[in-house]
Amino acid sequence: MAVQDPSDLYLRRQSLQKICRDCIEEQQTIHDAGVLYLPRLEGDESDNDVNNTYDSYKQRALFYNVVGRTKTFFKGLILRIPPKIIFELDDNEKDDEESKNKRYKG
């Protein structure tokens, strides 16, 4: 077997590797794959749907990226990167937080 020829194991695992890479990426990659990861609903078999029900269904679907977060966690664990905690407040919550700070500053 030449160096440029992939092994049988590599060829058998190619589809699994694609799924893993897609899962590490953001939600948009999963949405772009379409029916590969999000099959059409029963009764929505037409490709030329006027109402674009599948597209709206696909945009509403959420993908919780556990695989990507796990990869980031292990990378930080191995390289000893300190965690970055991002906490963002809505405008209403910011107002509440400011009034809470005024009350407790004494």
PDB file of N, CA and C in Angstrom:
ATOM      1  N   MET A   1       0.844  -1.175   0.000  1.00  0.00           N
ATOM      2  CA  MET A   1       0.000   0.000   0.000  1.00  0.00           C
ATOM      3  C   MET A   1       0.892   1.242   0.000  1.00  0.00           C
ATOM      4  N   ALA A   2       0.620   2.136  -0.915  1.00  0.00           N
ATOM      5  CA  ALA A   2       1.387   3.374  -1.026  1.00  0.00           C
ATOM      6  C   ALA A   2       0.947   4.368   0.053  1.00  0.00           C
ATOM      7  N   VAL A   3       1.772   5.337   0.299  1.00  0.00           N
ATOM      8  CA  VAL A   3       1.497   6.323   1.335  1.00  0.00           C
ATOM      9  C   VAL A   3       0.231   7.116   1.016  1.00  0.00           C
ATOM     10  N   GLN A   4       0.019   7.436  -0.247  1.00  0.00           N
ATOM     11  CA  GLN A   4      -1.135   8.252  -0.627  1.00  0.00           C
ATOM     12  C   GLN A   4      -2.442   7.466  -0.638  1.00  0.00           C
ATOM     13  N   ASP A   5      -2.401   6.139  -0.510  1.00  0.00           N
ATOM     14  CA  ASP A   5      -3.616   5.326  -0.483  1.00  0.00           C
ATOM     15  C   ASP A   5      -4.148   5.251   0.948  1.00  0.00           C
ATOM     16  N   PRO A   6      -5.400   5.675   1.160  1.00  0.00           N
ATOM     17  CA  PRO A   6      -5.959   5.589   2.522  1.00  0.00           C
ATOM     18  C   PRO A   6      -6.241   4.137   2.912  1.00  0.00           C
ATOM     19  N   SER A   7      -6.135   3.852   4.178  1.00  0.00           N
ATOM     20  CA  SER A   7      -6.383   2.499   4.662  1.00  0.00           C
ATOM     21  C   SER A   7      -7.879   2.202   4.649  1.00  0.00           C
ATOM     22  N   ASP A   8      -8.217   0.919   4.760  1.00  0.00           N
ATOM     23  CA  ASP A   8      -9.622   0.516   4.793  1.00  0.00           C
ATOM     24  C   ASP A   8     -10.330   1.084   6.026  1.00  0.00           C
ATOM     25  N   LEU A   9      -9.638   1.101   7.146  1.00  0.00           N
ATOM     26  CA  LEU A   9     -10.223   1.647   8.368  1.00  0.00           C
ATOM     27  C   LEU A   9     -10.550   3.129   8.197  1.00  0.00           C
ATOM     28  N   TYR A  10      -9.647   3.865   7.575  1.00  0.00           N
ATOM     29  CA  TYR A  10      -9.887   5.286   7.331  1.00  0.00           C
ATOM     30  C   TYR A  10     -11.110   5.475   6.439  1.00  0.00           C
ATOM     31  N   LEU A  11     -11.218   4.686   5.403  1.00  0.00           N
ATOM     32  CA  LEU A  11     -12.361   4.806   4.489  1.00  0.00           C
ATOM     33  C   LEU A  11     -13.673   4.449   5.185  1.00  0.00           C
ATOM     34  N   ARG A  12     -13.630   3.449   6.060  1.00  0.00           N
ATOM     35  CA  ARG A  12     -14.852   3.064   6.776  1.00  0.00           C
ATOM     36  C   ARG A  12     -15.280   4.135   7.779  1.00  0.00           C
ATOM     37  N   ARG A  13     -14.323   4.861   8.337  1.00  0.00           N
ATOM     38  CA  ARG A  13     -14.621   5.853   9.371  1.00  0.00           C
ATOM     39  C   ARG A  13     -14.812   7.271   8.830  1.00  0.00           C
ATOM     40  N   GLN A  14     -14.741   7.455   7.524  1.00  0.00           N
ATOM     41  CA  GLN A  14     -14.837   8.795   6.952  1.00  0.00           C
ATOM     42  C   GLN A  14     -16.165   9.472   7.277  1.00  0.00           C
ATOM     43  N   SER A  15     -17.262   8.747   7.175  1.00  0.00           N
ATOM     44  CA  SER A  15     -18.565   9.366   7.450  1.00  0.00           C
ATOM     45  C   SER A  15     -18.685   9.735   8.933  1.00  0.00           C
ATOM     46  N   LEU A  16     -18.140   8.907   9.811  1.00  0.00           N
ATOM     47  CA  LEU A  16     -18.160   9.215  11.238  1.00  0.00           C
ATOM     48  C   LEU A  16     -17.307  10.450  11.546  1.00  0.00           C
ATOM     49  N   GLN A  17     -16.189  10.568  10.853  1.00  0.00           N
ATOM     50  CA  GLN A  17     -15.332  11.733  11.050  1.00  0.00           C
ATOM     51  C   GLN A  17     -16.031  13.010  10.598  1.00  0.00           C
ATOM     52  N   LYS A  18     -16.791  12.939   9.507  1.00  0.00           N
ATOM     53  CA  LYS A  18     -17.533  14.107   9.024  1.00  0.00           C
ATOM     54  C   LYS A  18     -18.586  14.526  10.049  1.00  0.00           C
ATOM     55  N   ILE A  19     -19.283  13.546  10.614  1.00  0.00           N
ATOM     56  CA  ILE A  19     -20.296  13.845  11.626  1.00  0.00           C
ATOM     57  C   ILE A  19     -19.640  14.510  12.838  1.00  0.00           C
ATOM     58  N   CYS A  20     -18.502  13.992  13.280  1.00  0.00           N
ATOM     59  CA  CYS A  20     -17.804  14.576  14.429  1.00  0.00           C
ATOM     60  C   CYS A  20     -17.349  15.999  14.135  1.00  0.00           C
ATOM     61  N   ARG A  21     -16.800  16.228  12.945  1.00  0.00           N
ATOM     62  CA  ARG A  21     -16.366  17.586  12.587  1.00  0.00           C
ATOM     63  C   ARG A  21     -17.547  18.542  12.530  1.00  0.00           C
ATOM     64  N   ASP A  22     -18.654  18.082  11.957  1.00  0.00           N
ATOM     65  CA  ASP A  22     -19.844  18.930  11.885  1.00  0.00           C
ATOM     66  C   ASP A  22     -20.388  19.247  13.275  1.00  0.00           C
ATOM     67  N   CYS A  23     -20.338  18.276  14.171  1.00  0.00           N
ATOM     68  CA  CYS A  23     -20.846  18.504  15.525  1.00  0.00           C
ATOM     69  C   CYS A  23     -19.957  19.455  16.316  1.00  0.00           C
ATOM     70  N   ILE A  24     -18.683  19.499  16.008  1.00  0.00           N
ATOM     71  CA  ILE A  24     -17.781  20.430  16.684  1.00  0.00           C
ATOM     72  C   ILE A  24     -18.034  21.860  16.211  1.00  0.00           C
ATOM     73  N   GLU A  25     -18.445  22.002  14.963  1.00  0.00           N
ATOM     74  CA  GLU A  25     -18.745  23.327  14.417  1.00  0.00           C
ATOM     75  C   GLU A  25     -20.005  23.887  15.057  1.00  0.00           C
ATOM     76  N   GLU A  26     -20.338  25.081  14.672  1.00  0.00           N
ATOM     77  CA  GLU A  26     -21.512  25.751  15.232  1.00  0.00           C
ATOM     78  C   GLU A  26     -22.806  25.207  14.641  1.00  0.00           C
ATOM     79  N   GLN A  27     -23.906  25.718  15.122  1.00  0.00           N
ATOM     80  CA  GLN A  27     -25.243  25.295  14.722  1.00  0.00           C
ATOM     81  C   GLN A  27     -25.480  25.490  13.225  1.00  0.00           C
ATOM     82  N   GLN A  28     -24.872  26.500  12.637  1.00  0.00           N
ATOM     83  CA  GLN A  28     -25.092  26.793  11.218  1.00  0.00           C
ATOM     84  C   GLN A  28     -24.633  25.639  10.337  1.00  0.00           C
ATOM     85  N   THR A  29     -23.573  24.954  10.707  1.00  0.00           N
ATOM     86  CA  THR A  29     -23.098  23.807   9.934  1.00  0.00           C
ATOM     87  C   THR A  29     -24.141  22.707   9.927  1.00  0.00           C
ATOM     88  N   ILE A  30     -24.775  22.474  11.046  1.00  0.00           N
ATOM     89  CA  ILE A  30     -25.821  21.459  11.134  1.00  0.00           C
ATOM     90  C   ILE A  30     -27.022  21.881  10.294  1.00  0.00           C
ATOM     91  N   HIS A  31     -27.390  23.156  10.357  1.00  0.00           N
ATOM     92  CA  HIS A  31     -28.508  23.646   9.545  1.00  0.00           C
ATOM     93  C   HIS A  31     -28.197  23.556   8.059  1.00  0.00           C
ATOM     94  N   ASP A  32     -26.964  23.865   7.684  1.00  0.00           N
ATOM     95  CA  ASP A  32     -26.584  23.818   6.269  1.00  0.00           C
ATOM     96  C   ASP A  32     -26.626  22.400   5.714  1.00  0.00           C
ATOM     97  N   ALA A  33     -26.409  21.406   6.559  1.00  0.00           N
ATOM     98  CA  ALA A  33     -26.440  20.013   6.101  1.00  0.00           C
ATOM     99  C   ALA A  33     -27.851  19.560   5.764  1.00  0.00           C
ATOM    100  N   GLY A  34     -28.853  20.271   6.254  1.00  0.00           N
ATOM    101  CA  GLY A  34     -30.242  19.995   5.883  1.00  0.00           C
ATOM    102  C   GLY A  34     -30.733  18.645   6.365  1.00  0.00           C
ATOM    103  N   VAL A  35     -31.267  17.855   5.444  1.00  0.00           N
ATOM    104  CA  VAL A  35     -31.934  16.599   5.800  1.00  0.00           C
ATOM    105  C   VAL A  35     -30.969  15.535   6.312  1.00  0.00           C
ATOM    106  N   LEU A  36     -29.670  15.762   6.196  1.00  0.00           N
ATOM    107  CA  LEU A  36     -28.713  14.797   6.739  1.00  0.00           C
ATOM    108  C   LEU A  36     -28.863  14.679   8.254  1.00  0.00           C
ATOM    109  N   TYR A  37     -29.041  15.806   8.935  1.00  0.00           N
ATOM    110  CA  TYR A  37     -29.181  15.793  10.386  1.00  0.00           C
ATOM    111  C   TYR A  37     -30.589  16.110  10.869  1.00  0.00           C
ATOM    112  N   LEU A  38     -31.381  16.778  10.057  1.00  0.00           N
ATOM    113  CA  LEU A  38     -32.732  17.157  10.445  1.00  0.00           C
ATOM    114  C   LEU A  38     -33.693  16.702   9.348  1.00  0.00           C
ATOM    115  N   PRO A  39     -34.227  15.491   9.482  1.00  0.00           N
ATOM    116  CA  PRO A  39     -35.100  14.977   8.424  1.00  0.00           C
ATOM    117  C   PRO A  39     -36.386  15.780   8.308  1.00  0.00           C
ATOM    118  N   ARG A  40     -36.970  15.697   7.136  1.00  0.00           N
ATOM    119  CA  ARG A  40     -38.238  16.391   6.900  1.00  0.00           C
ATOM    120  C   ARG A  40     -39.321  15.788   7.776  1.00  0.00           C
ATOM    121  N   LEU A  41     -40.278  16.634   8.133  1.00  0.00           N
ATOM    122  CA  LEU A  41     -41.406  16.161   8.910  1.00  0.00           C
ATOM    123  C   LEU A  41     -42.323  15.321   8.034  1.00  0.00           C
ATOM    124  N   GLU A  42     -43.087  14.474   8.678  1.00  0.00           N
ATOM    125  CA  GLU A  42     -44.031  13.646   7.946  1.00  0.00           C
ATOM    126  C   GLU A  42     -45.058  14.548   7.263  1.00  0.00           C
ATOM    127  N   GLY A  43     -45.293  14.340   5.987  1.00  0.00           N
ATOM    128  CA  GLY A  43     -46.221  15.163   5.231  1.00  0.00           C
ATOM    129  C   GLY A  43     -45.541  16.330   4.541  1.00  0.00           C
ATOM    130  N   ASP A  44     -44.268  16.542   4.771  1.00  0.00           N
ATOM    131  CA  ASP A  44     -43.513  17.613   4.119  1.00  0.00           C
ATOM    132  C   ASP A  44     -42.484  16.984   3.184  1.00  0.00           C
ATOM    133  N   GLU A  45     -42.961  16.313   2.175  1.00  0.00           N
ATOM    134  CA  GLU A  45     -42.087  15.565   1.273  1.00  0.00           C
ATOM    135  C   GLU A  45     -41.691  16.351   0.030  1.00  0.00           C
ATOM    136  N   SER A  46     -42.376  17.444  -0.273  1.00  0.00           N
ATOM    137  CA  SER A  46     -42.105  18.156  -1.522  1.00  0.00           C
ATOM    138  C   SER A  46     -40.865  19.034  -1.388  1.00  0.00           C
ATOM    139  N   ASP A  47     -40.057  19.050  -2.437  1.00  0.00           N
ATOM    140  CA  ASP A  47     -38.877  19.907  -2.453  1.00  0.00           C
ATOM    141  C   ASP A  47     -39.236  21.339  -2.845  1.00  0.00           C
ATOM    142  N   ASN A  48     -40.327  21.525  -3.574  1.00  0.00           N
ATOM    143  CA  ASN A  48     -40.733  22.848  -4.043  1.00  0.00           C
ATOM    144  C   ASN A  48     -41.903  23.365  -3.222  1.00  0.00           C
ATOM    145  N   ASP A  49     -41.762  23.393  -1.934  1.00  0.00           N
ATOM    146  CA  ASP A  49     -42.826  23.838  -1.042  1.00  0.00           C
ATOM    147  C   ASP A  49     -42.934  25.359  -1.114  1.00  0.00           C
ATOM    148  N   VAL A  50     -44.126  25.834  -1.395  1.00  0.00           N
ATOM    149  CA  VAL A  50     -44.345  27.272  -1.544  1.00  0.00           C
ATOM    150  C   VAL A  50     -44.147  27.991  -0.215  1.00  0.00           C
ATOM    151  N   ASN A  51     -44.588  27.393   0.863  1.00  0.00           N
ATOM    152  CA  ASN A  51     -44.511  28.039   2.175  1.00  0.00           C
ATOM    153  C   ASN A  51     -43.149  27.882   2.836  1.00  0.00           C
ATOM    154  N   ASN A  52     -42.269  27.123   2.229  1.00  0.00           N
ATOM    155  CA  ASN A  52     -40.943  26.866   2.806  1.00  0.00           C
ATOM    156  C   ASN A  52     -41.044  26.373   4.244  1.00  0.00           C
ATOM    157  N   THR A  53     -41.930  25.429   4.474  1.00  0.00           N
ATOM    158  CA  THR A  53     -42.127  24.933   5.840  1.00  0.00           C
ATOM    159  C   THR A  53     -40.878  24.267   6.387  1.00  0.00           C
ATOM    160  N   TYR A  54     -40.153  23.544   5.527  1.00  0.00           N
ATOM    161  CA  TYR A  54     -38.948  22.883   6.013  1.00  0.00           C
ATOM    162  C   TYR A  54     -37.890  23.910   6.410  1.00  0.00           C
ATOM    163  N   ASP A  55     -37.754  24.958   5.606  1.00  0.00           N
ATOM    164  CA  ASP A  55     -36.756  25.986   5.932  1.00  0.00           C
ATOM    165  C   ASP A  55     -37.073  26.675   7.248  1.00  0.00           C
ATOM    166  N   SER A  56     -38.346  26.985   7.463  1.00  0.00           N
ATOM    167  CA  SER A  56     -38.703  27.626   8.729  1.00  0.00           C
ATOM    168  C   SER A  56     -38.551  26.642   9.895  1.00  0.00           C
ATOM    169  N   TYR A  57     -38.861  25.366   9.653  1.00  0.00           N
ATOM    170  CA  TYR A  57     -38.665  24.325  10.668  1.00  0.00           C
ATOM    171  C   TYR A  57     -37.179  24.201  11.006  1.00  0.00           C
ATOM    172  N   LYS A  58     -36.352  24.245   9.988  1.00  0.00           N
ATOM    173  CA  LYS A  58     -34.914  24.111  10.184  1.00  0.00           C
ATOM    174  C   LYS A  58     -34.353  25.309  10.941  1.00  0.00           C
ATOM    175  N   GLN A  59     -34.845  26.509  10.676  1.00  0.00           N
ATOM    176  CA  GLN A  59     -34.361  27.697  11.375  1.00  0.00           C
ATOM    177  C   GLN A  59     -34.786  27.710  12.839  1.00  0.00           C
ATOM    178  N   ARG A  60     -35.921  27.090  13.143  1.00  0.00           N
ATOM    179  CA  ARG A  60     -36.379  27.035  14.539  1.00  0.00           C
ATOM    180  C   ARG A  60     -35.658  25.955  15.332  1.00  0.00           C
ATOM    181  N   ALA A  61     -35.108  24.972  14.648  1.00  0.00           N
ATOM    182  CA  ALA A  61     -34.443  23.855  15.332  1.00  0.00           C
ATOM    183  C   ALA A  61     -33.161  24.350  15.999  1.00  0.00           C
ATOM    184  N   LEU A  62     -32.938  23.908  17.209  1.00  0.00           N
ATOM    185  CA  LEU A  62     -31.749  24.291  17.959  1.00  0.00           C
ATOM    186  C   LEU A  62     -30.802  23.102  18.061  1.00  0.00           C
ATOM    187  N   PHE A  63     -29.529  23.394  18.013  1.00  0.00           N
ATOM    188  CA  PHE A  63     -28.505  22.369  18.166  1.00  0.00           C
ATOM    189  C   PHE A  63     -27.639  22.754  19.345  1.00  0.00           C
ATOM    190  N   TYR A  64     -27.715  21.991  20.399  1.00  0.00           N
ATOM    191  CA  TYR A  64     -26.900  22.248  21.583  1.00  0.00           C
ATOM    192  C   TYR A  64     -25.549  21.585  21.371  1.00  0.00           C
ATOM    193  N   ASN A  65     -24.534  22.379  21.246  1.00  0.00           N
ATOM    194  CA  ASN A  65     -23.227  21.895  20.817  1.00  0.00           C
ATOM    195  C   ASN A  65     -22.415  21.317  21.982  1.00  0.00           C
ATOM    196  N   VAL A  66     -22.823  20.157  22.440  1.00  0.00           N
ATOM    197  CA  VAL A  66     -22.120  19.496  23.545  1.00  0.00           C
ATOM    198  C   VAL A  66     -20.743  19.021  23.101  1.00  0.00           C
ATOM    199  N   VAL A  67     -20.634  18.530  21.882  1.00  0.00           N
ATOM    200  CA  VAL A  67     -19.357  18.006  21.390  1.00  0.00           C
ATOM    201  C   VAL A  67     -18.331  19.136  21.292  1.00  0.00           C
ATOM    202  N   GLY A  68     -18.743  20.270  20.761  1.00  0.00           N
ATOM    203  CA  GLY A  68     -17.827  21.410  20.653  1.00  0.00           C
ATOM    204  C   GLY A  68     -17.397  21.928  22.012  1.00  0.00           C
ATOM    205  N   ARG A  69     -18.344  21.975  22.948  1.00  0.00           N
ATOM    206  CA  ARG A  69     -17.998  22.434  24.299  1.00  0.00           C
ATOM    207  C   ARG A  69     -17.056  21.450  24.989  1.00  0.00           C
ATOM    208  N   THR A  70     -17.268  20.169  24.751  1.00  0.00           N
ATOM    209  CA  THR A  70     -16.388  19.158  25.336  1.00  0.00           C
ATOM    210  C   THR A  70     -14.983  19.285  24.771  1.00  0.00           C
ATOM    211  N   LYS A  71     -14.882  19.522  23.465  1.00  0.00           N
ATOM    212  CA  LYS A  71     -13.571  19.711  22.831  1.00  0.00           C
ATOM    213  C   LYS A  71     -12.862  20.920  23.437  1.00  0.00           C
ATOM    214  N   THR A  72     -13.594  22.023  23.599  1.00  0.00           N
ATOM    215  CA  THR A  72     -13.015  23.223  24.183  1.00  0.00           C
ATOM    216  C   THR A  72     -12.577  22.972  25.631  1.00  0.00           C
ATOM    217  N   PHE A  73     -13.392  22.232  26.370  1.00  0.00           N
ATOM    218  CA  PHE A  73     -13.060  21.903  27.760  1.00  0.00           C
ATOM    219  C   PHE A  73     -11.765  21.101  27.833  1.00  0.00           C
ATOM    220  N   PHE A  74     -11.665  20.042  27.026  1.00  0.00           N
ATOM    221  CA  PHE A  74     -10.472  19.200  27.091  1.00  0.00           C
ATOM    222  C   PHE A  74      -9.231  19.935  26.584  1.00  0.00           C
ATOM    223  N   LYS A  75      -9.395  20.791  25.598  1.00  0.00           N
ATOM    224  CA  LYS A  75      -8.266  21.584  25.111  1.00  0.00           C
ATOM    225  C   LYS A  75      -7.757  22.489  26.232  1.00  0.00           C
ATOM    226  N   GLY A  76      -8.673  23.136  26.945  1.00  0.00           N
ATOM    227  CA  GLY A  76      -8.282  23.985  28.065  1.00  0.00           C
ATOM    228  C   GLY A  76      -7.662  23.189  29.199  1.00  0.00           C
ATOM    229  N   LEU A  77      -8.193  21.987  29.423  1.00  0.00           N
ATOM    230  CA  LEU A  77      -7.671  21.135  30.484  1.00  0.00           C
ATOM    231  C   LEU A  77      -6.250  20.680  30.176  1.00  0.00           C
ATOM    232  N   ILE A  78      -6.023  20.292  28.930  1.00  0.00           N
ATOM    233  CA  ILE A  78      -4.700  19.803  28.533  1.00  0.00           C
ATOM    234  C   ILE A  78      -3.679  20.933  28.512  1.00  0.00           C
ATOM    235  N   LEU A  79      -4.068  22.087  27.959  1.00  0.00           N
ATOM    236  CA  LEU A  79      -3.132  23.199  27.822  1.00  0.00           C
ATOM    237  C   LEU A  79      -3.133  24.138  29.022  1.00  0.00           C
ATOM    238  N   ARG A  80      -3.939  23.816  30.026  1.00  0.00           N
ATOM    239  CA  ARG A  80      -4.053  24.615  31.249  1.00  0.00           C
ATOM    240  C   ARG A  80      -4.434  26.067  30.956  1.00  0.00           C
ATOM    241  N   ILE A  81      -5.430  26.216  30.113  1.00  0.00           N
ATOM    242  CA  ILE A  81      -5.952  27.532  29.784  1.00  0.00           C
ATOM    243  C   ILE A  81      -7.038  27.864  30.806  1.00  0.00           C
ATOM    244  N   PRO A  82      -6.945  29.015  31.475  1.00  0.00           N
ATOM    245  CA  PRO A  82      -7.974  29.351  32.462  1.00  0.00           C
ATOM    246  C   PRO A  82      -9.327  29.572  31.772  1.00  0.00           C
ATOM    247  N   PRO A  83     -10.418  29.206  32.427  1.00  0.00           N
ATOM    248  CA  PRO A  83     -11.738  29.352  31.799  1.00  0.00           C
ATOM    249  C   PRO A  83     -12.137  30.817  31.666  1.00  0.00           C
ATOM    250  N   LYS A  84     -12.903  31.093  30.609  1.00  0.00           N
ATOM    251  CA  LYS A  84     -13.459  32.431  30.401  1.00  0.00           C
ATOM    252  C   LYS A  84     -14.957  32.327  30.614  1.00  0.00           C
ATOM    253  N   ILE A  85     -15.428  32.999  31.623  1.00  0.00           N
ATOM    254  CA  ILE A  85     -16.854  32.969  31.925  1.00  0.00           C
ATOM    255  C   ILE A  85     -17.475  34.230  31.350  1.00  0.00           C
ATOM    256  N   ILE A  86     -18.390  34.035  30.420  1.00  0.00           N
ATOM    257  CA  ILE A  86     -19.067  35.150  29.773  1.00  0.00           C
ATOM    258  C   ILE A  86     -20.488  35.191  30.295  1.00  0.00           C
ATOM    259  N   PHE A  87     -20.820  36.291  30.918  1.00  0.00           N
ATOM    260  CA  PHE A  87     -22.146  36.445  31.486  1.00  0.00           C
ATOM    261  C   PHE A  87     -22.692  37.777  31.018  1.00  0.00           C
ATOM    262  N   GLU A  88     -23.706  37.737  30.183  1.00  0.00           N
ATOM    263  CA  GLU A  88     -24.279  38.959  29.656  1.00  0.00           C
ATOM    264  C   GLU A  88     -25.680  39.145  30.216  1.00  0.00           C
ATOM    265  N   LEU A  89     -25.996  40.372  30.580  1.00  0.00           N
ATOM    266  CA  LEU A  89     -27.305  40.691  31.112  1.00  0.00           C
ATOM    267  C   LEU A  89     -28.129  41.411  30.055  1.00  0.00           C
ATOM    268  N   ASP A  90     -29.440  41.194  30.076  1.00  0.00           N
ATOM    269  CA  ASP A  90     -30.347  41.972  29.246  1.00  0.00           C
ATOM    270  C   ASP A  90     -30.420  43.389  29.799  1.00  0.00           C
ATOM    271  N   ASP A  91     -31.027  44.307  29.031  1.00  0.00           N
ATOM    272  CA  ASP A  91     -31.158  45.688  29.501  1.00  0.00           C
ATOM    273  C   ASP A  91     -31.941  45.772  30.802  1.00  0.00           C
ATOM    274  N   ASN A  92     -33.019  44.988  30.906  1.00  0.00           N
ATOM    275  CA  ASN A  92     -33.830  45.000  32.135  1.00  0.00           C
ATOM    276  C   ASN A  92     -33.022  44.472  33.319  1.00  0.00           C
ATOM    277  N   GLU A  93     -32.242  43.432  33.070  1.00  0.00           N
ATOM    278  CA  GLU A  93     -31.429  42.870  34.144  1.00  0.00           C
ATOM    279  C   GLU A  93     -30.319  43.826  34.547  1.00  0.00           C
ATOM    280  N   LYS A  94     -29.780  44.594  33.579  1.00  0.00           N
ATOM    281  CA  LYS A  94     -28.752  45.575  33.909  1.00  0.00           C
ATOM    282  C   LYS A  94     -29.318  46.634  34.848  1.00  0.00           C
ATOM    283  N   ASP A  95     -30.539  47.075  34.543  1.00  0.00           N
ATOM    284  CA  ASP A  95     -31.177  48.060  35.417  1.00  0.00           C
ATOM    285  C   ASP A  95     -31.344  47.497  36.818  1.00  0.00           C
ATOM    286  N   ASP A  96     -31.779  46.241  36.909  1.00  0.00           N
ATOM    287  CA  ASP A  96     -31.951  45.610  38.216  1.00  0.00           C
ATOM    288  C   ASP A  96     -30.617  45.506  38.945  1.00  0.00           C
ATOM    289  N   GLU A  97     -29.560  45.152  38.189  1.00  0.00           N
ATOM    290  CA  GLU A  97     -28.244  45.002  38.786  1.00  0.00           C
ATOM    291  C   GLU A  97     -27.729  46.344  39.301  1.00  0.00           C
ATOM    292  N   GLU A  98     -27.953  47.435  38.543  1.00  0.00           N
ATOM    293  CA  GLU A  98     -27.515  48.750  38.980  1.00  0.00           C
ATOM    294  C   GLU A  98     -28.247  49.198  40.229  1.00  0.00           C
ATOM    295  N   SER A  99     -29.563  48.957  40.267  1.00  0.00           N
ATOM    296  CA  SER A  99     -30.313  49.350  41.455  1.00  0.00           C
ATOM    297  C   SER A  99     -29.924  48.492  42.645  1.00  0.00           C
ATOM    298  N   LYS A 100     -29.575  47.234  42.406  1.00  0.00           N
ATOM    299  CA  LYS A 100     -29.135  46.357  43.496  1.00  0.00           C
ATOM    300  C   LYS A 100     -27.797  46.854  44.040  1.00  0.00           C
ATOM    301  N   ASN A 101     -26.901  47.275  43.147  1.00  0.00           N
ATOM    302  CA  ASN A 101     -25.598  47.794  43.591  1.00  0.00           C
ATOM    303  C   ASN A 101     -25.761  49.071  44.402  1.00  0.00           C
ATOM    304  N   LYS A 102     -26.700  49.930  43.996  1.00  0.00           N
ATOM    305  CA  LYS A 102     -26.932  51.168  44.740  1.00  0.00           C
ATOM    306  C   LYS A 102     -27.453  50.859  46.138  1.00  0.00           C
ATOM    307  N   ARG A 103     -28.302  49.828  46.233  1.00  0.00           N
ATOM    308  CA  ARG A 103     -28.869  49.495  47.547  1.00  0.00           C
ATOM    309  C   ARG A 103     -27.821  48.908  48.479  1.00  0.00           C
ATOM    310  N   TYR A 104     -26.909  48.110  47.972  1.00  0.00           N
ATOM    311  CA  TYR A 104     -25.991  47.382  48.834  1.00  0.00           C
ATOM    312  C   TYR A 104     -24.648  48.066  49.025  1.00  0.00           C
ATOM    313  N   LYS A 105     -24.414  49.204  48.361  1.00  0.00           N
ATOM    314  CA  LYS A 105     -23.135  49.890  48.552  1.00  0.00           C
ATOM    315  C   LYS A 105     -23.077  50.580  49.912  1.00  0.00           C
ATOM    316  N   GLY A 106     -24.223  50.893  50.447  1.00  0.00           N
ATOM    317  CA  GLY A 106     -24.292  51.435  51.787  1.00  0.00           C
ATOM    318  C   GLY A 106     -23.949  52.846  51.834  1.00  0.00           C
TER     319      GLY A 106
END
